[in-house]
Amino acid sequence: MGGKCPHRSVKKRRYSHKTHRRAKFLVNGDDMVYDSLNKADEQTKPLPPDQDLPGMGQFYCLHCDRYFNNASVRDDHFKTKRHRRRVKLLMEAPHTQLDADLAAGMGMPDNGPKLMSF
């Protein structure tokens, strides 16, 4: 059932829809990346070597949550439209559950200022 895309005339190797969707869930969410960006301003430590990651885990894009094989590939990634969109998206704080509740009218009621009772 899985495997290659059924369109055999495509020159590039394409994966099935199921494989593509599964890879989407491995990426950190916007809120987690935003928190790590704010934490990165406070402390900047070099990454520890990890043999399971590409490039021993030394070449990392914090905005996109991706590892690269070497510095030149990472620097080329910094120039791409996908990276620039991601940086622009993470400039402002992501929405929270409280924002969603307030927009749906399920937050704390705003009854206005309290009147003094005599």
PDB file of N, CA and C in Angstrom:
ATOM      1  N   MET A   1       0.810  -1.189   0.000  1.00  0.00           N
ATOM      2  CA  MET A   1       0.000   0.000   0.000  1.00  0.00           C
ATOM      3  C   MET A   1       0.857   1.259   0.000  1.00  0.00           C
ATOM      4  N   GLY A   2       1.903   1.296   0.821  1.00  0.00           N
ATOM      5  CA  GLY A   2       2.738   2.488   0.919  1.00  0.00           C
ATOM      6  C   GLY A   2       3.781   2.487  -0.175  1.00  0.00           C
ATOM      7  N   GLY A   3       4.833   3.206   0.033  1.00  0.00           N
ATOM      8  CA  GLY A   3       5.943   3.216  -0.900  1.00  0.00           C
ATOM      9  C   GLY A   3       5.923   4.411  -1.812  1.00  0.00           C
ATOM     10  N   LYS A   4       6.332   4.210  -3.070  1.00  0.00           N
ATOM     11  CA  LYS A   4       6.450   5.304  -4.010  1.00  0.00           C
ATOM     12  C   LYS A   4       5.090   5.820  -4.440  1.00  0.00           C
ATOM     13  N   CYS A   5       5.109   7.006  -4.951  1.00  0.00           N
ATOM     14  CA  CYS A   5       3.903   7.629  -5.483  1.00  0.00           C
ATOM     15  C   CYS A   5       3.446   6.841  -6.709  1.00  0.00           C
ATOM     16  N   PRO A   6       2.145   6.648  -6.899  1.00  0.00           N
ATOM     17  CA  PRO A   6       1.681   5.848  -8.030  1.00  0.00           C
ATOM     18  C   PRO A   6       1.949   6.476  -9.392  1.00  0.00           C
ATOM     19  N   HIS A   7       2.312   7.760  -9.425  1.00  0.00           N
ATOM     20  CA  HIS A   7       2.589   8.407 -10.707  1.00  0.00           C
ATOM     21  C   HIS A   7       4.022   8.080 -11.118  1.00  0.00           C
ATOM     22  N   ARG A   8       4.191   7.088 -11.938  1.00  0.00           N
ATOM     23  CA  ARG A   8       5.522   6.593 -12.300  1.00  0.00           C
ATOM     24  C   ARG A   8       6.248   7.521 -13.269  1.00  0.00           C
ATOM     25  N   SER A   9       5.527   8.402 -13.959  1.00  0.00           N
ATOM     26  CA  SER A   9       6.176   9.254 -14.950  1.00  0.00           C
ATOM     27  C   SER A   9       6.962  10.393 -14.304  1.00  0.00           C
ATOM     28  N   VAL A  10       6.816  10.591 -12.999  1.00  0.00           N
ATOM     29  CA  VAL A  10       7.530  11.658 -12.308  1.00  0.00           C
ATOM     30  C   VAL A  10       9.002  11.279 -12.203  1.00  0.00           C
ATOM     31  N   LYS A  11       9.876  12.197 -12.594  1.00  0.00           N
ATOM     32  CA  LYS A  11      11.302  11.899 -12.613  1.00  0.00           C
ATOM     33  C   LYS A  11      11.892  11.845 -11.204  1.00  0.00           C
ATOM     34  N   LYS A  12      11.512  12.809 -10.370  1.00  0.00           N
ATOM     35  CA  LYS A  12      12.048  12.830  -9.018  1.00  0.00           C
ATOM     36  C   LYS A  12      11.395  11.739  -8.189  1.00  0.00           C
ATOM     37  N   ARG A  13      12.114  11.301  -7.192  1.00  0.00           N
ATOM     38  CA  ARG A  13      11.551  10.279  -6.306  1.00  0.00           C
ATOM     39  C   ARG A  13      10.571  10.946  -5.360  1.00  0.00           C
ATOM     40  N   ARG A  14       9.349  10.557  -5.449  1.00  0.00           N
ATOM     41  CA  ARG A  14       8.303  11.118  -4.589  1.00  0.00           C
ATOM     42  C   ARG A  14       7.833  10.045  -3.627  1.00  0.00           C
ATOM     43  N   TYR A  15       7.503  10.458  -2.432  1.00  0.00           N
ATOM     44  CA  TYR A  15       7.004   9.524  -1.446  1.00  0.00           C
ATOM     45  C   TYR A  15       5.490   9.593  -1.378  1.00  0.00           C
ATOM     46  N   SER A  16       4.924   8.587  -0.786  1.00  0.00           N
ATOM     47  CA  SER A  16       3.477   8.554  -0.679  1.00  0.00           C
ATOM     48  C   SER A  16       3.000   9.656   0.273  1.00  0.00           C
ATOM     49  N   HIS A  17       1.742   9.933   0.206  1.00  0.00           N
ATOM     50  CA  HIS A  17       1.135  10.958   1.048  1.00  0.00           C
ATOM     51  C   HIS A  17       1.283  10.589   2.526  1.00  0.00           C
ATOM     52  N   LYS A  18       1.180   9.317   2.830  1.00  0.00           N
ATOM     53  CA  LYS A  18       1.270   8.841   4.210  1.00  0.00           C
ATOM     54  C   LYS A  18       2.659   9.129   4.796  1.00  0.00           C
ATOM     55  N   THR A  19       3.702   8.908   4.025  1.00  0.00           N
ATOM     56  CA  THR A  19       5.055   9.153   4.490  1.00  0.00           C
ATOM     57  C   THR A  19       5.277  10.644   4.727  1.00  0.00           C
ATOM     58  N   HIS A  20       4.757  11.470   3.837  1.00  0.00           N
ATOM     59  CA  HIS A  20       4.909  12.915   3.972  1.00  0.00           C
ATOM     60  C   HIS A  20       4.186  13.416   5.215  1.00  0.00           C
ATOM     61  N   ARG A  21       3.006  12.926   5.484  1.00  0.00           N
ATOM     62  CA  ARG A  21       2.236  13.349   6.656  1.00  0.00           C
ATOM     63  C   ARG A  21       2.915  12.892   7.951  1.00  0.00           C
ATOM     64  N   ARG A  22       3.512  11.718   7.943  1.00  0.00           N
ATOM     65  CA  ARG A  22       4.173  11.208   9.127  1.00  0.00           C
ATOM     66  C   ARG A  22       5.372  12.079   9.484  1.00  0.00           C
ATOM     67  N   ALA A  23       6.089  12.578   8.472  1.00  0.00           N
ATOM     68  CA  ALA A  23       7.259  13.413   8.716  1.00  0.00           C
ATOM     69  C   ALA A  23       6.867  14.760   9.298  1.00  0.00           C
ATOM     70  N   LYS A  24       5.647  15.229   9.025  1.00  0.00           N
ATOM     71  CA  LYS A  24       5.209  16.516   9.538  1.00  0.00           C
ATOM     72  C   LYS A  24       5.122  16.521  11.051  1.00  0.00           C
ATOM     73  N   PHE A  25       4.798  15.390  11.654  1.00  0.00           N
ATOM     74  CA  PHE A  25       4.595  15.338  13.085  1.00  0.00           C
ATOM     75  C   PHE A  25       5.904  15.258  13.863  1.00  0.00           C
ATOM     76  N   LEU A  26       7.018  15.062  13.173  1.00  0.00           N
ATOM     77  CA  LEU A  26       8.309  14.982  13.852  1.00  0.00           C
ATOM     78  C   LEU A  26       8.923  16.351  14.100  1.00  0.00           C
ATOM     79  N   VAL A  27       8.359  17.398  13.478  1.00  0.00           N
ATOM     80  CA  VAL A  27       8.883  18.750  13.616  1.00  0.00           C
ATOM     81  C   VAL A  27       8.272  19.394  14.858  1.00  0.00           C
ATOM     82  N   ASN A  28       9.091  20.147  15.596  1.00  0.00           N
ATOM     83  CA  ASN A  28       8.574  20.853  16.763  1.00  0.00           C
ATOM     84  C   ASN A  28       7.547  21.894  16.346  1.00  0.00           C
ATOM     85  N   GLY A  29       6.592  22.143  17.219  1.00  0.00           N
ATOM     86  CA  GLY A  29       5.579  23.139  16.957  1.00  0.00           C
ATOM     87  C   GLY A  29       6.125  24.548  17.065  1.00  0.00           C
ATOM     88  N   ASP A  30       5.348  25.509  16.578  1.00  0.00           N
ATOM     89  CA  ASP A  30       5.786  26.897  16.595  1.00  0.00           C
ATOM     90  C   ASP A  30       6.004  27.403  18.009  1.00  0.00           C
ATOM     91  N   ASP A  31       5.158  26.988  18.934  1.00  0.00           N
ATOM     92  CA  ASP A  31       5.296  27.474  20.299  1.00  0.00           C
ATOM     93  C   ASP A  31       6.566  26.953  20.960  1.00  0.00           C
ATOM     94  N   MET A  32       6.942  25.710  20.682  1.00  0.00           N
ATOM     95  CA  MET A  32       8.162  25.156  21.257  1.00  0.00           C
ATOM     96  C   MET A  32       9.403  25.842  20.683  1.00  0.00           C
ATOM     97  N   VAL A  33       9.386  26.118  19.374  1.00  0.00           N
ATOM     98  CA  VAL A  33      10.517  26.785  18.738  1.00  0.00           C
ATOM     99  C   VAL A  33      10.616  28.219  19.240  1.00  0.00           C
ATOM    100  N   TYR A  34       9.464  28.894  19.414  1.00  0.00           N
ATOM    101  CA  TYR A  34       9.460  30.265  19.917  1.00  0.00           C
ATOM    102  C   TYR A  34      10.052  30.322  21.327  1.00  0.00           C
ATOM    103  N   ASP A  35       9.702  29.360  22.169  1.00  0.00           N
ATOM    104  CA  ASP A  35      10.258  29.314  23.529  1.00  0.00           C
ATOM    105  C   ASP A  35      11.764  29.079  23.505  1.00  0.00           C
ATOM    106  N   SER A  36      12.219  28.206  22.622  1.00  0.00           N
ATOM    107  CA  SER A  36      13.655  27.938  22.546  1.00  0.00           C
ATOM    108  C   SER A  36      14.416  29.141  21.980  1.00  0.00           C
ATOM    109  N   LEU A  37      13.779  29.934  21.101  1.00  0.00           N
ATOM    110  CA  LEU A  37      14.421  31.142  20.596  1.00  0.00           C
ATOM    111  C   LEU A  37      14.606  32.162  21.714  1.00  0.00           C
ATOM    112  N   ASN A  38      13.603  32.313  22.564  1.00  0.00           N
ATOM    113  CA  ASN A  38      13.724  33.250  23.680  1.00  0.00           C
ATOM    114  C   ASN A  38      14.757  32.772  24.690  1.00  0.00           C
ATOM    115  N   LYS A  39      14.854  31.469  24.874  1.00  0.00           N
ATOM    116  CA  LYS A  39      15.839  30.909  25.785  1.00  0.00           C
ATOM    117  C   LYS A  39      17.247  31.056  25.200  1.00  0.00           C
ATOM    118  N   ALA A  40      17.351  31.033  23.880  1.00  0.00           N
ATOM    119  CA  ALA A  40      18.660  31.119  23.232  1.00  0.00           C
ATOM    120  C   ALA A  40      19.299  32.480  23.447  1.00  0.00           C
ATOM    121  N   ASP A  41      18.484  33.521  23.630  1.00  0.00           N
ATOM    122  CA  ASP A  41      19.060  34.837  23.894  1.00  0.00           C
ATOM    123  C   ASP A  41      19.776  34.858  25.239  1.00  0.00           C
ATOM    124  N   GLU A  42      19.257  34.123  26.203  1.00  0.00           N
ATOM    125  CA  GLU A  42      19.843  34.113  27.534  1.00  0.00           C
ATOM    126  C   GLU A  42      21.135  33.306  27.578  1.00  0.00           C
ATOM    127  N   GLN A  43      21.124  32.155  26.930  1.00  0.00           N
ATOM    128  CA  GLN A  43      22.300  31.284  27.002  1.00  0.00           C
ATOM    129  C   GLN A  43      22.589  30.715  25.610  1.00  0.00           C
ATOM    130  N   THR A  44      23.840  30.799  25.204  1.00  0.00           N
ATOM    131  CA  THR A  44      24.255  30.228  23.929  1.00  0.00           C
ATOM    132  C   THR A  44      25.393  29.266  24.200  1.00  0.00           C
ATOM    133  N   LYS A  45      25.060  28.011  24.271  1.00  0.00           N
ATOM    134  CA  LYS A  45      26.060  26.969  24.503  1.00  0.00           C
ATOM    135  C   LYS A  45      26.304  26.224  23.200  1.00  0.00           C
ATOM    136  N   PRO A  46      27.540  25.760  22.966  1.00  0.00           N
ATOM    137  CA  PRO A  46      27.773  24.937  21.771  1.00  0.00           C
ATOM    138  C   PRO A  46      27.034  23.605  21.901  1.00  0.00           C
ATOM    139  N   LEU A  47      26.576  23.101  20.778  1.00  0.00           N
ATOM    140  CA  LEU A  47      25.831  21.844  20.775  1.00  0.00           C
ATOM    141  C   LEU A  47      26.766  20.666  21.039  1.00  0.00           C
ATOM    142  N   PRO A  48      26.347  19.712  21.842  1.00  0.00           N
ATOM    143  CA  PRO A  48      27.188  18.526  22.066  1.00  0.00           C
ATOM    144  C   PRO A  48      27.143  17.614  20.839  1.00  0.00           C
ATOM    145  N   PRO A  49      28.257  16.965  20.505  1.00  0.00           N
ATOM    146  CA  PRO A  49      28.262  16.061  19.340  1.00  0.00           C
ATOM    147  C   PRO A  49      27.312  14.874  19.548  1.00  0.00           C
ATOM    148  N   ASP A  50      26.547  14.571  18.526  1.00  0.00           N
ATOM    149  CA  ASP A  50      25.611  13.447  18.566  1.00  0.00           C
ATOM    150  C   ASP A  50      25.741  12.697  17.250  1.00  0.00           C
ATOM    151  N   GLN A  51      26.148  11.444  17.299  1.00  0.00           N
ATOM    152  CA  GLN A  51      26.401  10.681  16.083  1.00  0.00           C
ATOM    153  C   GLN A  51      25.130  10.294  15.343  1.00  0.00           C
ATOM    154  N   ASP A  52      23.980  10.370  15.985  1.00  0.00           N
ATOM    155  CA  ASP A  52      22.735  10.000  15.323  1.00  0.00           C
ATOM    156  C   ASP A  52      22.195  11.113  14.436  1.00  0.00           C
ATOM    157  N   LEU A  53      22.679  12.332  14.585  1.00  0.00           N
ATOM    158  CA  LEU A  53      22.177  13.473  13.823  1.00  0.00           C
ATOM    159  C   LEU A  53      23.101  13.783  12.656  1.00  0.00           C
ATOM    160  N   PRO A  54      22.576  14.395  11.591  1.00  0.00           N
ATOM    161  CA  PRO A  54      23.437  14.786  10.470  1.00  0.00           C
ATOM    162  C   PRO A  54      24.485  15.804  10.912  1.00  0.00           C
ATOM    163  N   GLY A  55      25.701  15.638  10.432  1.00  0.00           N
ATOM    164  CA  GLY A  55      26.790  16.557  10.761  1.00  0.00           C
ATOM    165  C   GLY A  55      27.147  16.536  12.230  1.00  0.00           C
ATOM    166  N   MET A  56      26.935  15.411  12.884  1.00  0.00           N
ATOM    167  CA  MET A  56      27.217  15.239  14.315  1.00  0.00           C
ATOM    168  C   MET A  56      26.424  16.224  15.179  1.00  0.00           C
ATOM    169  N   GLY A  57      25.337  16.784  14.630  1.00  0.00           N
ATOM    170  CA  GLY A  57      24.490  17.689  15.388  1.00  0.00           C
ATOM    171  C   GLY A  57      25.077  19.062  15.611  1.00  0.00           C
ATOM    172  N   GLN A  58      26.119  19.442  14.837  1.00  0.00           N
ATOM    173  CA  GLN A  58      26.791  20.725  15.045  1.00  0.00           C
ATOM    174  C   GLN A  58      26.200  21.851  14.218  1.00  0.00           C
ATOM    175  N   PHE A  59      25.515  21.529  13.131  1.00  0.00           N
ATOM    176  CA  PHE A  59      25.004  22.553  12.219  1.00  0.00           C
ATOM    177  C   PHE A  59      23.479  22.521  12.293  1.00  0.00           C
ATOM    178  N   TYR A  60      22.918  23.444  13.078  1.00  0.00           N
ATOM    179  CA  TYR A  60      21.501  23.418  13.427  1.00  0.00           C
ATOM    180  C   TYR A  60      20.858  24.758  13.112  1.00  0.00           C
ATOM    181  N   CYS A  61      19.666  24.715  12.528  1.00  0.00           N
ATOM    182  CA  CYS A  61      18.870  25.923  12.300  1.00  0.00           C
ATOM    183  C   CYS A  61      17.807  25.954  13.384  1.00  0.00           C
ATOM    184  N   LEU A  62      17.895  26.919  14.262  1.00  0.00           N
ATOM    185  CA  LEU A  62      16.993  26.997  15.411  1.00  0.00           C
ATOM    186  C   LEU A  62      15.574  27.337  14.990  1.00  0.00           C
ATOM    187  N   HIS A  63      15.425  28.182  13.966  1.00  0.00           N
ATOM    188  CA  HIS A  63      14.093  28.591  13.536  1.00  0.00           C
ATOM    189  C   HIS A  63      13.318  27.441  12.889  1.00  0.00           C
ATOM    190  N   CYS A  64      14.008  26.669  12.056  1.00  0.00           N
ATOM    191  CA  CYS A  64      13.343  25.590  11.309  1.00  0.00           C
ATOM    192  C   CYS A  64      13.429  24.248  12.012  1.00  0.00           C
ATOM    193  N   ASP A  65      14.225  24.151  13.083  1.00  0.00           N
ATOM    194  CA  ASP A  65      14.406  22.913  13.834  1.00  0.00           C
ATOM    195  C   ASP A  65      14.949  21.809  12.931  1.00  0.00           C
ATOM    196  N   ARG A  66      16.039  22.128  12.205  1.00  0.00           N
ATOM    197  CA  ARG A  66      16.649  21.172  11.292  1.00  0.00           C
ATOM    198  C   ARG A  66      18.147  21.111  11.517  1.00  0.00           C
ATOM    199  N   TYR A  67      18.710  19.931  11.281  1.00  0.00           N
ATOM    200  CA  TYR A  67      20.150  19.718  11.348  1.00  0.00           C
ATOM    201  C   TYR A  67      20.680  19.561   9.922  1.00  0.00           C
ATOM    202  N   PHE A  68      21.926  20.023   9.697  1.00  0.00           N
ATOM    203  CA  PHE A  68      22.534  19.961   8.366  1.00  0.00           C
ATOM    204  C   PHE A  68      23.882  19.267   8.456  1.00  0.00           C
ATOM    205  N   ASN A  69      24.357  18.778   7.295  1.00  0.00           N
ATOM    206  CA  ASN A  69      25.612  18.020   7.249  1.00  0.00           C
ATOM    207  C   ASN A  69      26.835  18.887   7.453  1.00  0.00           C
ATOM    208  N   ASN A  70      26.818  20.096   6.892  1.00  0.00           N
ATOM    209  CA  ASN A  70      27.981  20.971   7.056  1.00  0.00           C
ATOM    210  C   ASN A  70      27.514  22.428   7.058  1.00  0.00           C
ATOM    211  N   ALA A  71      28.463  23.326   7.295  1.00  0.00           N
ATOM    212  CA  ALA A  71      28.133  24.736   7.445  1.00  0.00           C
ATOM    213  C   ALA A  71      27.683  25.364   6.135  1.00  0.00           C
ATOM    214  N   SER A  72      28.239  24.919   5.014  1.00  0.00           N
ATOM    215  CA  SER A  72      27.862  25.535   3.736  1.00  0.00           C
ATOM    216  C   SER A  72      26.411  25.220   3.372  1.00  0.00           C
ATOM    217  N   VAL A  73      25.955  24.017   3.665  1.00  0.00           N
ATOM    218  CA  VAL A  73      24.555  23.654   3.402  1.00  0.00           C
ATOM    219  C   VAL A  73      23.630  24.464   4.320  1.00  0.00           C
ATOM    220  N   ARG A  74      24.055  24.624   5.571  1.00  0.00           N
ATOM    221  CA  ARG A  74      23.260  25.418   6.515  1.00  0.00           C
ATOM    222  C   ARG A  74      23.189  26.878   6.070  1.00  0.00           C
ATOM    223  N   ASP A  75      24.306  27.427   5.609  1.00  0.00           N
ATOM    224  CA  ASP A  75      24.323  28.815   5.156  1.00  0.00           C
ATOM    225  C   ASP A  75      23.466  28.998   3.907  1.00  0.00           C
ATOM    226  N   ASP A  76      23.455  28.000   3.018  1.00  0.00           N
ATOM    227  CA  ASP A  76      22.564  28.062   1.854  1.00  0.00           C
ATOM    228  C   ASP A  76      21.101  28.011   2.290  1.00  0.00           C
ATOM    229  N   HIS A  77      20.824  27.258   3.328  1.00  0.00           N
ATOM    230  CA  HIS A  77      19.453  27.168   3.842  1.00  0.00           C
ATOM    231  C   HIS A  77      18.988  28.519   4.394  1.00  0.00           C
ATOM    232  N   PHE A  78      19.911  29.266   4.995  1.00  0.00           N
ATOM    233  CA  PHE A  78      19.550  30.567   5.551  1.00  0.00           C
ATOM    234  C   PHE A  78      19.075  31.538   4.468  1.00  0.00           C
ATOM    235  N   LYS A  79      19.448  31.308   3.216  1.00  0.00           N
ATOM    236  CA  LYS A  79      19.072  32.194   2.117  1.00  0.00           C
ATOM    237  C   LYS A  79      17.753  31.790   1.452  1.00  0.00           C
ATOM    238  N   THR A  80      17.178  30.649   1.830  1.00  0.00           N
ATOM    239  CA  THR A  80      15.983  30.158   1.147  1.00  0.00           C
ATOM    240  C   THR A  80      14.732  30.888   1.615  1.00  0.00           C
ATOM    241  N   LYS A  81      13.730  30.831   0.764  1.00  0.00           N
ATOM    242  CA  LYS A  81      12.453  31.462   1.061  1.00  0.00           C
ATOM    243  C   LYS A  81      11.764  30.770   2.231  1.00  0.00           C
ATOM    244  N   ARG A  82      11.915  29.473   2.316  1.00  0.00           N
ATOM    245  CA  ARG A  82      11.273  28.711   3.392  1.00  0.00           C
ATOM    246  C   ARG A  82      11.785  29.163   4.765  1.00  0.00           C
ATOM    247  N   HIS A  83      13.099  29.383   4.875  1.00  0.00           N
ATOM    248  CA  HIS A  83      13.685  29.831   6.141  1.00  0.00           C
ATOM    249  C   HIS A  83      13.246  31.253   6.467  1.00  0.00           C
ATOM    250  N   ARG A  84      13.245  32.126   5.471  1.00  0.00           N
ATOM    251  CA  ARG A  84      12.862  33.518   5.722  1.00  0.00           C
ATOM    252  C   ARG A  84      11.409  33.619   6.153  1.00  0.00           C
ATOM    253  N   ARG A  85      10.538  32.792   5.569  1.00  0.00           N
ATOM    254  CA  ARG A  85       9.131  32.770   5.995  1.00  0.00           C
ATOM    255  C   ARG A  85       9.005  32.314   7.437  1.00  0.00           C
ATOM    256  N   ARG A  86       9.793  31.320   7.793  1.00  0.00           N
ATOM    257  CA  ARG A  86       9.744  30.778   9.147  1.00  0.00           C
ATOM    258  C   ARG A  86      10.225  31.814  10.175  1.00  0.00           C
ATOM    259  N   VAL A  87      11.283  32.563   9.827  1.00  0.00           N
ATOM    260  CA  VAL A  87      11.791  33.603  10.714  1.00  0.00           C
ATOM    261  C   VAL A  87      10.742  34.687  10.902  1.00  0.00           C
ATOM    262  N   LYS A  88      10.085  35.072   9.817  1.00  0.00           N
ATOM    263  CA  LYS A  88       9.048  36.102   9.885  1.00  0.00           C
ATOM    264  C   LYS A  88       7.860  35.627  10.720  1.00  0.00           C
ATOM    265  N   LEU A  89       7.512  34.356  10.606  1.00  0.00           N
ATOM    266  CA  LEU A  89       6.404  33.790  11.368  1.00  0.00           C
ATOM    267  C   LEU A  89       6.707  33.780  12.860  1.00  0.00           C
ATOM    268  N   LEU A  90       7.963  33.532  13.217  1.00  0.00           N
ATOM    269  CA  LEU A  90       8.342  33.424  14.622  1.00  0.00           C
ATOM    270  C   LEU A  90       8.721  34.760  15.253  1.00  0.00           C
ATOM    271  N   MET A  91       8.612  35.860  14.512  1.00  0.00           N
ATOM    272  CA  MET A  91       8.887  37.178  15.077  1.00  0.00           C
ATOM    273  C   MET A  91       7.874  37.536  16.160  1.00  0.00           C
ATOM    274  N   GLU A  92       6.622  37.188  15.924  1.00  0.00           N
ATOM    275  CA  GLU A  92       5.583  37.477  16.907  1.00  0.00           C
ATOM    276  C   GLU A  92       5.228  36.202  17.661  1.00  0.00           C
ATOM    277  N   ALA A  93       4.700  36.372  18.852  1.00  0.00           N
ATOM    278  CA  ALA A  93       4.390  35.222  19.707  1.00  0.00           C
ATOM    279  C   ALA A  93       3.242  34.413  19.096  1.00  0.00           C
ATOM    280  N   PRO A  94       3.323  33.083  19.145  1.00  0.00           N
ATOM    281  CA  PRO A  94       2.239  32.260  18.616  1.00  0.00           C
ATOM    282  C   PRO A  94       1.006  32.345  19.507  1.00  0.00           C
ATOM    283  N   HIS A  95      -0.121  31.968  18.943  1.00  0.00           N
ATOM    284  CA  HIS A  95      -1.369  32.003  19.694  1.00  0.00           C
ATOM    285  C   HIS A  95      -1.354  30.948  20.793  1.00  0.00           C
ATOM    286  N   THR A  96      -2.024  31.248  21.879  1.00  0.00           N
ATOM    287  CA  THR A  96      -2.111  30.318  22.997  1.00  0.00           C
ATOM    288  C   THR A  96      -3.544  29.840  23.153  1.00  0.00           C
ATOM    289  N   GLN A  97      -3.749  28.897  24.041  1.00  0.00           N
ATOM    290  CA  GLN A  97      -5.087  28.389  24.295  1.00  0.00           C
ATOM    291  C   GLN A  97      -5.968  29.473  24.907  1.00  0.00           C
ATOM    292  N   LEU A  98      -5.394  30.355  25.707  1.00  0.00           N
ATOM    293  CA  LEU A  98      -6.147  31.450  26.294  1.00  0.00           C
ATOM    294  C   LEU A  98      -6.677  32.389  25.216  1.00  0.00           C
ATOM    295  N   ASP A  99      -5.857  32.671  24.195  1.00  0.00           N
ATOM    296  CA  ASP A  99      -6.312  33.497  23.074  1.00  0.00           C
ATOM    297  C   ASP A  99      -7.490  32.848  22.362  1.00  0.00           C
ATOM    298  N   ALA A 100      -7.407  31.543  22.157  1.00  0.00           N
ATOM    299  CA  ALA A 100      -8.482  30.832  21.469  1.00  0.00           C
ATOM    300  C   ALA A 100      -9.771  30.857  22.295  1.00  0.00           C
ATOM    301  N   ASP A 101      -9.648  30.678  23.606  1.00  0.00           N
ATOM    302  CA  ASP A 101     -10.830  30.712  24.465  1.00  0.00           C
ATOM    303  C   ASP A 101     -11.476  32.094  24.472  1.00  0.00           C
ATOM    304  N   LEU A 102     -10.663  33.142  24.534  1.00  0.00           N
ATOM    305  CA  LEU A 102     -11.205  34.493  24.525  1.00  0.00           C
ATOM    306  C   LEU A 102     -11.890  34.808  23.196  1.00  0.00           C
ATOM    307  N   ALA A 103     -11.332  34.340  22.095  1.00  0.00           N
ATOM    308  CA  ALA A 103     -11.933  34.578  20.786  1.00  0.00           C
ATOM    309  C   ALA A 103     -13.256  33.840  20.638  1.00  0.00           C
ATOM    310  N   ALA A 104     -13.381  32.694  21.294  1.00  0.00           N
ATOM    311  CA  ALA A 104     -14.610  31.915  21.213  1.00  0.00           C
ATOM    312  C   ALA A 104     -15.650  32.380  22.223  1.00  0.00           C
ATOM    313  N   GLY A 105     -15.278  33.338  23.075  1.00  0.00           N
ATOM    314  CA  GLY A 105     -16.215  33.836  24.070  1.00  0.00           C
ATOM    315  C   GLY A 105     -16.289  32.971  25.308  1.00  0.00           C
ATOM    316  N   MET A 106     -15.283  32.139  25.530  1.00  0.00           N
ATOM    317  CA  MET A 106     -15.301  31.238  26.677  1.00  0.00           C
ATOM    318  C   MET A 106     -14.365  31.700  27.782  1.00  0.00           C
ATOM    319  N   GLY A 107     -13.812  32.901  27.668  1.00  0.00           N
ATOM    320  CA  GLY A 107     -12.882  33.385  28.680  1.00  0.00           C
ATOM    321  C   GLY A 107     -13.619  34.019  29.841  1.00  0.00           C
ATOM    322  N   MET A 108     -12.887  34.749  30.636  1.00  0.00           N
ATOM    323  CA  MET A 108     -13.481  35.445  31.770  1.00  0.00           C
ATOM    324  C   MET A 108     -14.425  36.526  31.259  1.00  0.00           C
ATOM    325  N   PRO A 109     -15.601  36.649  31.846  1.00  0.00           N
ATOM    326  CA  PRO A 109     -16.542  37.669  31.369  1.00  0.00           C
ATOM    327  C   PRO A 109     -16.065  39.066  31.751  1.00  0.00           C
ATOM    328  N   ASP A 110     -16.297  39.988  30.859  1.00  0.00           N
ATOM    329  CA  ASP A 110     -15.950  41.378  31.108  1.00  0.00           C
ATOM    330  C   ASP A 110     -17.247  42.134  31.338  1.00  0.00           C
ATOM    331  N   ASN A 111     -17.589  42.347  32.598  1.00  0.00           N
ATOM    332  CA  ASN A 111     -18.835  43.004  32.942  1.00  0.00           C
ATOM    333  C   ASN A 111     -18.667  44.493  33.131  1.00  0.00           C
ATOM    334  N   GLY A 112     -17.533  45.027  32.847  1.00  0.00           N
ATOM    335  CA  GLY A 112     -17.299  46.456  32.991  1.00  0.00           C
ATOM    336  C   GLY A 112     -16.872  46.775  34.413  1.00  0.00           C
ATOM    337  N   PRO A 113     -16.684  48.057  34.674  1.00  0.00           N
ATOM    338  CA  PRO A 113     -16.248  48.439  36.022  1.00  0.00           C
ATOM    339  C   PRO A 113     -17.368  48.201  37.038  1.00  0.00           C
ATOM    340  N   LYS A 114     -16.982  47.816  38.231  1.00  0.00           N
ATOM    341  CA  LYS A 114     -17.967  47.586  39.288  1.00  0.00           C
ATOM    342  C   LYS A 114     -18.494  48.929  39.780  1.00  0.00           C
ATOM    343  N   LEU A 115     -19.784  48.974  40.022  1.00  0.00           N
ATOM    344  CA  LEU A 115     -20.404  50.176  40.548  1.00  0.00           C
ATOM    345  C   LEU A 115     -20.403  50.129  42.064  1.00  0.00           C
ATOM    346  N   MET A 116     -20.205  51.258  42.656  1.00  0.00           N
ATOM    347  CA  MET A 116     -20.208  51.331  44.116  1.00  0.00           C
ATOM    348  C   MET A 116     -21.641  51.247  44.615  1.00  0.00           C
ATOM    349  N   SER A 117     -21.881  50.412  45.586  1.00  0.00           N
ATOM    350  CA  SER A 117     -23.226  50.324  46.162  1.00  0.00           C
ATOM    351  C   SER A 117     -23.240  51.099  47.475  1.00  0.00           C
ATOM    352  N   PHE A 118     -24.253  51.937  47.638  1.00  0.00           N
ATOM    353  CA  PHE A 118     -24.343  52.743  48.858  1.00  0.00           C
ATOM    354  C   PHE A 118     -25.280  52.134  49.830  1.00  0.00           C
TER     355      PHE A 118
END
